[in-house]
């Protein structure tokens, strides 16, 4: 972990009260992404195929820390904190996924990468799907991990069966004006801890330090507001997704990654109506947080997916 005093001295870092966490072989970067400063962690092979990784709620780029080394010996690896996430700026304004996708794509271009593979989990997958609709010509392939993407893989209604309702109940809660912030402010650690323990197959996947780390990221500098804003703007994200899909379906190769105990039983089947070239896998012995629970399986799946079209 980088010392907090060092964190404060990084001139481009917009979230200076939050300690930085280092990963061997990778470098912290901040770039201007269309007027919003985004944080990226970059490493691996500069001349290898570029793969961009996006995490979801309630995590940061750190969600990919166990997967990144498994990609780094063959790929140019870039993990990006979404706007409002981790050490990226928390802008005012819309967090609909098409708006956010433009920021993410601008960040990748600012890092000198013109075309890339994109892999994303949870809310990161919401953004990744919209990014593919906007910038498909810049993508070699898209991997989406266990995500209820608005208008795509997210059910139209929240189930009431207690056996499954706990997986998606928070979508409705996060949409209630003002109440989530009122109830969660000061209790971010308990809330984040519930997600990380309840949605993993093994409840000890995340230790106390990791829970504290993710809670601190949401607490820092308007992080809770920004996290909730993705849900507030989910209907707009769905509308823009379908508006784009009326013009064309995705033709870029798509890999749907599900897990044995995740939220979306079959990502590939859910995505296939919107994407012409979709394959899927199910990762065993995992809940929702697949990159943390089965990082080797995720790295192997991504290397195999990339290897179909790139010479690895």
Protein backbone atom coordinates (compact mmCIF):
# COMPACT_ATOMS: atom_id res chain seq x y z
CA UNK A 1 0.00 0.00 0.00
CA UNK A 2 1.27 3.50 -0.80
CA UNK A 3 1.67 5.75 2.22
CA UNK A 4 -1.19 8.29 2.56
CA UNK A 5 1.34 11.12 2.57
CA UNK A 6 2.61 9.89 -0.80
CA UNK A 7 -0.97 9.73 -2.04
CA UNK A 8 -1.49 13.37 -1.15
CA UNK A 9 1.63 14.37 -3.12
CA UNK A 10 0.43 12.82 -6.39
CA UNK A 11 -0.55 16.01 -8.22
CA UNK A 12 -3.06 14.46 -10.62
CA UNK A 13 -4.90 12.41 -7.99
CA UNK A 14 -8.37 13.93 -7.40
CA UNK A 15 -9.09 11.75 -4.33
CA UNK A 16 -6.15 12.53 -2.09
CA UNK A 17 -7.63 11.40 1.22
CA UNK A 18 -7.83 7.80 -0.01
CA UNK A 19 -4.65 5.68 0.26
CA UNK A 20 -3.30 4.19 -2.96
CA UNK A 21 -2.74 0.45 -3.16
CA UNK A 22 0.10 -0.76 -5.33
CA UNK A 23 0.35 -3.93 -7.41
CA UNK A 24 3.79 -5.24 -8.31
CA UNK A 25 4.66 -4.59 -11.95
CA UNK A 26 1.90 -2.00 -12.42
CA UNK A 27 1.91 1.79 -12.42
CA UNK A 28 -0.72 4.31 -11.33
CA UNK A 29 -1.74 6.78 -14.03
CA UNK A 30 -4.23 9.66 -14.21
CA UNK A 31 -5.48 10.98 -17.53
CA UNK A 32 -7.82 13.70 -18.71
CA UNK A 33 -10.77 11.82 -20.16
CA UNK A 34 -12.94 14.43 -21.81
CA UNK A 35 -12.70 16.81 -18.86
CA UNK A 36 -12.84 14.17 -16.11
CA UNK A 37 -9.67 12.80 -14.51
CA UNK A 38 -9.73 9.02 -14.46
CA UNK A 39 -7.35 6.71 -12.59
CA UNK A 40 -5.77 3.79 -14.43
CA UNK A 41 -3.38 1.07 -13.33
CA UNK A 42 -1.20 -0.08 -16.20
CA UNK A 43 1.33 -2.86 -16.71
CA UNK A 44 2.20 -5.98 -18.65
CA UNK A 45 3.54 -6.08 -22.20
CA UNK A 46 3.44 -2.69 -23.97
CA UNK A 47 3.44 -4.41 -27.36
CA UNK A 48 0.90 -7.07 -26.40
CA UNK A 49 -2.84 -6.92 -27.07
CA UNK A 50 -4.39 -4.25 -24.86
CA UNK A 51 -7.07 -5.43 -22.44
CA UNK A 52 -9.05 -2.89 -20.41
CA UNK A 53 -10.68 -3.98 -17.15
CA UNK A 54 -13.66 -2.29 -15.44
CA UNK A 55 -15.01 -3.14 -11.99
CA UNK A 56 -18.43 -2.58 -10.46
CA UNK A 57 -20.22 -1.77 -7.21
CA UNK A 58 -18.97 -1.61 -4.47
CA UNK A 59 -15.43 -2.13 -5.76
CA UNK A 60 -12.58 -0.33 -7.55
CA UNK A 61 -9.84 -1.40 -9.98
CA UNK A 62 -8.48 -3.48 -7.07
CA UNK A 63 -11.16 -6.09 -7.86
CA UNK A 64 -8.91 -7.23 -10.74
CA UNK A 65 -5.66 -7.42 -8.72
CA UNK A 66 -5.60 -11.26 -8.74
CA UNK A 67 -6.43 -11.47 -12.46
CA UNK A 68 -4.01 -8.84 -13.75
CA UNK A 69 -0.78 -10.79 -13.12
CA UNK A 70 -2.24 -13.72 -15.06
CA UNK A 71 -2.70 -11.46 -18.08
CA UNK A 72 0.46 -9.39 -17.75
CA UNK A 73 2.93 -11.85 -19.29
CA UNK A 74 1.04 -11.74 -22.60
CA UNK A 75 -1.08 -8.57 -22.61
CA UNK A 76 -0.91 -4.84 -22.10
CA UNK A 77 -3.20 -4.59 -19.06
CA UNK A 78 -5.12 -1.45 -18.05
CA UNK A 79 -7.55 -1.41 -15.10
CA UNK A 80 -9.57 1.80 -14.92
CA UNK A 81 -11.57 3.26 -12.06
CA UNK A 82 -14.91 4.46 -13.44
CA UNK A 83 -15.95 8.06 -12.77
CA UNK A 84 -16.89 8.26 -9.09
CA UNK A 85 -14.99 5.05 -8.30
CA UNK A 86 -11.69 4.61 -6.45
CA UNK A 87 -9.20 7.33 -7.30
CA UNK A 88 -11.12 8.73 -10.29
CA UNK A 89 -12.86 12.08 -10.18
CA UNK A 90 -16.47 12.19 -8.96
CA UNK A 91 -18.07 14.55 -11.51
CA UNK A 92 -21.45 16.18 -11.20
CA UNK A 93 -23.92 15.46 -13.98
CA UNK A 94 -25.14 12.29 -15.61
CA UNK A 95 -23.86 8.81 -14.83
CA UNK A 96 -25.82 7.11 -17.59
CA UNK A 97 -23.60 4.46 -19.10
CA UNK A 98 -23.28 6.06 -22.52
CA UNK A 99 -21.95 9.25 -20.94
CA UNK A 100 -19.58 7.27 -18.75
CA UNK A 101 -18.52 5.08 -21.69
CA UNK A 102 -17.31 8.19 -23.51
CA UNK A 103 -15.11 9.07 -20.53
CA UNK A 104 -13.68 5.56 -20.33
CA UNK A 105 -12.94 5.40 -24.05
CA UNK A 106 -11.30 8.83 -23.89
CA UNK A 107 -9.11 7.59 -21.03
CA UNK A 108 -7.97 4.58 -23.06
CA UNK A 109 -7.14 6.82 -26.01
CA UNK A 110 -5.26 9.21 -23.72
CA UNK A 111 -3.11 6.27 -22.62
CA UNK A 112 -2.08 5.81 -26.25
CA UNK A 113 -4.24 2.75 -26.98
CA UNK A 114 -6.31 2.95 -30.14
CA UNK A 115 -7.92 -0.52 -30.17
CA UNK A 116 -8.42 -2.93 -27.29
CA UNK A 117 -10.20 -5.84 -25.64
CA UNK A 118 -12.65 -4.93 -22.89
CA UNK A 119 -13.58 -7.05 -19.87
CA UNK A 120 -15.96 -5.82 -17.21
CA UNK A 121 -17.97 -6.91 -14.17
CA UNK A 122 -21.20 -5.64 -12.59
CA UNK A 123 -21.65 -1.87 -13.21
CA UNK A 124 -18.42 -1.98 -15.18
CA UNK A 125 -20.25 -4.32 -17.57
CA UNK A 126 -23.12 -1.83 -17.83
CA UNK A 127 -20.59 0.73 -19.07
CA UNK A 128 -18.76 -1.79 -21.26
CA UNK A 129 -21.93 -2.80 -23.13
CA UNK A 130 -22.75 0.83 -23.87
CA UNK A 131 -19.14 1.51 -24.85
CA UNK A 132 -19.31 -1.35 -27.35
CA UNK A 133 -22.45 0.16 -28.89
CA UNK A 134 -20.72 3.55 -29.27
CA UNK A 135 -17.18 2.49 -30.18
CA UNK A 136 -17.48 -1.01 -31.58
CA UNK A 137 -14.90 -0.35 -34.30
CA UNK A 138 -12.31 0.22 -31.57
CA UNK A 139 -12.92 -3.11 -29.84
CA UNK A 140 -11.50 -6.51 -30.67
CA UNK A 141 -13.79 -8.26 -28.20
CA UNK A 142 -15.98 -7.78 -25.15
CA UNK A 143 -16.19 -9.98 -22.03
CA UNK A 144 -19.05 -9.33 -19.60
CA UNK A 145 -19.09 -10.88 -16.12
CA UNK A 146 -22.27 -11.47 -14.06
CA UNK A 147 -24.10 -8.18 -14.54
CA UNK A 148 -27.71 -7.02 -14.65
CA UNK A 149 -27.22 -4.58 -17.52
CA UNK A 150 -30.10 -2.06 -17.73
CA UNK A 151 -32.44 -2.97 -20.56
CA UNK A 152 -30.31 -5.97 -21.55
CA UNK A 153 -29.76 -8.62 -18.87
CA UNK A 154 -31.54 -6.92 -15.96
CA UNK A 155 -35.02 -8.36 -15.31
CA UNK A 156 -37.88 -5.91 -15.81
CA UNK A 157 -39.22 -6.65 -12.33
CA UNK A 158 -37.51 -7.34 -9.03
CA UNK A 159 -38.34 -10.90 -7.90
CA UNK A 160 -40.15 -11.35 -4.60
CA UNK A 161 -39.07 -14.93 -3.92
CA UNK A 162 -36.71 -14.66 -0.89
CA UNK A 163 -34.44 -17.29 -2.42
CA UNK A 164 -33.48 -14.94 -5.26
CA UNK A 165 -34.73 -11.46 -4.25
CA UNK A 166 -31.60 -10.73 -2.18
CA UNK A 167 -29.53 -10.73 -5.38
CA UNK A 168 -31.28 -7.73 -6.95
CA UNK A 169 -33.27 -5.94 -4.19
CA UNK A 170 -30.76 -3.07 -4.03
CA UNK A 171 -31.65 -1.85 -7.55
CA UNK A 172 -34.98 -0.54 -6.25
CA UNK A 173 -33.51 0.71 -2.95
CA UNK A 174 -30.79 2.72 -4.68
CA UNK A 175 -33.40 4.43 -6.87
CA UNK A 176 -35.35 5.91 -3.95
CA UNK A 177 -34.58 9.66 -3.77
CA UNK A 178 -32.43 10.71 -0.78
CA UNK A 179 -33.22 7.72 1.44
CA UNK A 180 -30.18 5.54 0.60
CA UNK A 181 -27.73 8.35 1.35
CA UNK A 182 -29.57 9.16 4.58
CA UNK A 183 -29.47 5.57 5.79
CA UNK A 184 -26.01 4.65 4.52
CA UNK A 185 -23.93 7.69 5.45
CA UNK A 186 -21.76 6.61 8.34
CA UNK A 187 -22.65 2.96 7.73
CA UNK A 188 -20.79 2.43 4.48
CA UNK A 189 -18.58 -0.26 6.00
CA UNK A 190 -21.55 -2.38 7.08
CA UNK A 191 -23.27 -1.97 3.73
CA UNK A 192 -20.22 -2.78 1.65
CA UNK A 193 -19.45 -5.73 3.91
CA UNK A 194 -22.91 -7.19 3.35
CA UNK A 195 -22.46 -7.20 -0.44
CA UNK A 196 -18.97 -8.68 -0.33
CA UNK A 197 -19.95 -11.45 2.08
CA UNK A 198 -23.50 -12.25 0.96
CA UNK A 199 -22.74 -12.37 -2.76
CA UNK A 200 -19.69 -14.61 -2.61
CA UNK A 201 -19.96 -18.37 -2.44
CA UNK A 202 -17.38 -18.43 0.38
CA UNK A 203 -18.17 -15.64 2.85
CA UNK A 204 -14.50 -15.31 3.85
CA UNK A 205 -13.39 -14.36 0.31
CA UNK A 206 -12.89 -10.76 1.47
CA UNK A 207 -11.01 -10.05 4.69
CA UNK A 208 -11.68 -7.10 6.99
CA UNK A 209 -8.92 -4.99 5.40
CA UNK A 210 -10.43 -5.35 1.94
CA UNK A 211 -13.90 -4.47 3.20
CA UNK A 212 -12.46 -1.39 4.90
CA UNK A 213 -10.63 -0.46 1.69
CA UNK A 214 -13.74 -0.59 -0.49
CA UNK A 215 -15.84 1.18 2.14
CA UNK A 216 -13.25 3.96 2.35
CA UNK A 217 -13.41 4.43 -1.43
CA UNK A 218 -17.18 4.86 -1.33
CA UNK A 219 -16.97 7.19 1.67
CA UNK A 220 -14.30 9.47 0.17
CA UNK A 221 -15.19 12.72 -1.57
CA UNK A 222 -18.74 12.02 -2.72
CA UNK A 223 -18.15 8.39 -3.60
CA UNK A 224 -21.50 7.26 -2.20
CA UNK A 225 -23.40 9.83 -4.27
CA UNK A 226 -21.52 8.79 -7.38
CA UNK A 227 -22.09 5.07 -6.73
CA UNK A 228 -25.82 5.60 -6.38
CA UNK A 229 -25.92 7.86 -9.46
CA UNK A 230 -25.34 4.87 -11.76
CA UNK A 231 -28.62 3.43 -10.46
CA UNK A 232 -30.45 6.77 -10.60
CA UNK A 233 -29.58 6.99 -14.29
CA UNK A 234 -30.17 3.30 -15.10
CA UNK A 235 -33.43 4.02 -16.94
CA UNK A 236 -31.63 6.51 -19.17
CA UNK A 237 -28.88 3.95 -19.75
CA UNK A 238 -31.49 1.39 -20.83
CA UNK A 239 -33.21 3.90 -23.12
CA UNK A 240 -29.94 4.80 -24.84
CA UNK A 241 -28.97 1.14 -25.16
CA UNK A 242 -32.18 0.32 -26.97
CA UNK A 243 -32.00 3.45 -29.09
CA UNK A 244 -28.56 2.31 -30.28
CA UNK A 245 -29.70 -1.28 -30.76
CA UNK A 246 -32.50 -0.11 -33.06
CA UNK A 247 -29.72 0.97 -35.42
CA UNK A 248 -27.50 -2.10 -35.17
CA UNK A 249 -26.72 -5.12 -33.03
CA UNK A 250 -23.21 -5.83 -31.78
CA UNK A 251 -21.03 -7.77 -34.17
CA UNK A 252 -17.85 -7.71 -32.09
CA UNK A 253 -17.12 -11.07 -30.39
CA UNK A 254 -18.75 -11.19 -26.95
CA UNK A 255 -17.95 -13.59 -24.12
CA UNK A 256 -20.55 -13.91 -21.37
CA UNK A 257 -18.99 -15.12 -18.12
CA UNK A 258 -21.44 -16.50 -15.57
CA UNK A 259 -20.76 -18.31 -12.31
CA UNK A 260 -22.27 -21.27 -10.54
CA UNK A 261 -23.82 -19.09 -7.82
CA UNK A 262 -24.01 -15.65 -9.45
CA UNK A 263 -26.79 -13.16 -10.10
CA UNK A 264 -27.36 -13.83 -13.81
CA UNK A 265 -27.48 -17.59 -14.48
CA UNK A 266 -26.53 -17.37 -18.16
CA UNK A 267 -24.91 -14.15 -19.32
CA UNK A 268 -24.41 -15.41 -22.86
CA UNK A 269 -28.09 -16.32 -23.32
CA UNK A 270 -29.12 -12.91 -21.97
CA UNK A 271 -26.76 -11.06 -24.30
CA UNK A 272 -27.26 -13.18 -27.43
CA UNK A 273 -30.45 -11.36 -28.62
CA UNK A 274 -28.36 -8.17 -28.91
CA UNK A 275 -25.02 -9.54 -30.13
CA UNK A 276 -24.45 -11.67 -33.21
CA UNK A 277 -21.25 -13.41 -32.08
CA UNK A 278 -21.71 -14.49 -28.46
CA UNK A 279 -20.22 -17.40 -26.53
CA UNK A 280 -20.43 -18.19 -22.86
CA UNK A 281 -18.80 -20.02 -19.99
CA UNK A 282 -19.83 -20.78 -16.42
CA UNK A 283 -17.13 -20.50 -13.76
CA UNK A 284 -17.67 -23.12 -11.05
CA UNK A 285 -17.41 -22.54 -7.30
CA UNK A 286 -18.05 -18.80 -7.46
CA UNK A 287 -20.70 -16.28 -6.55
CA UNK A 288 -21.11 -12.77 -7.94
CA UNK A 289 -17.53 -11.54 -7.40
CA UNK A 290 -15.94 -13.93 -9.90
CA UNK A 291 -12.57 -12.12 -10.36
CA UNK A 292 -11.95 -12.32 -6.60
CA UNK A 293 -13.32 -15.82 -6.11
CA UNK A 294 -11.81 -17.59 -9.14
CA UNK A 295 -9.13 -15.27 -10.57
CA UNK A 296 -7.16 -18.00 -12.33
CA UNK A 297 -10.28 -19.22 -14.14
CA UNK A 298 -11.12 -15.65 -15.19
CA UNK A 299 -7.57 -14.96 -16.41
CA UNK A 300 -7.57 -18.24 -18.36
CA UNK A 301 -10.95 -17.44 -19.93
CA UNK A 302 -9.79 -13.99 -21.00
CA UNK A 303 -6.49 -15.28 -22.40
CA UNK A 304 -8.39 -17.95 -24.34
CA UNK A 305 -10.91 -15.42 -25.64
CA UNK A 306 -8.21 -12.97 -26.73
CA UNK A 307 -6.14 -15.80 -28.16
CA UNK A 308 -8.89 -16.73 -30.59
CA UNK A 309 -8.11 -13.62 -32.64
CA UNK A 310 -4.75 -12.42 -31.34
CA UNK A 311 -1.52 -14.38 -31.46
CA UNK A 312 -0.76 -15.09 -27.81
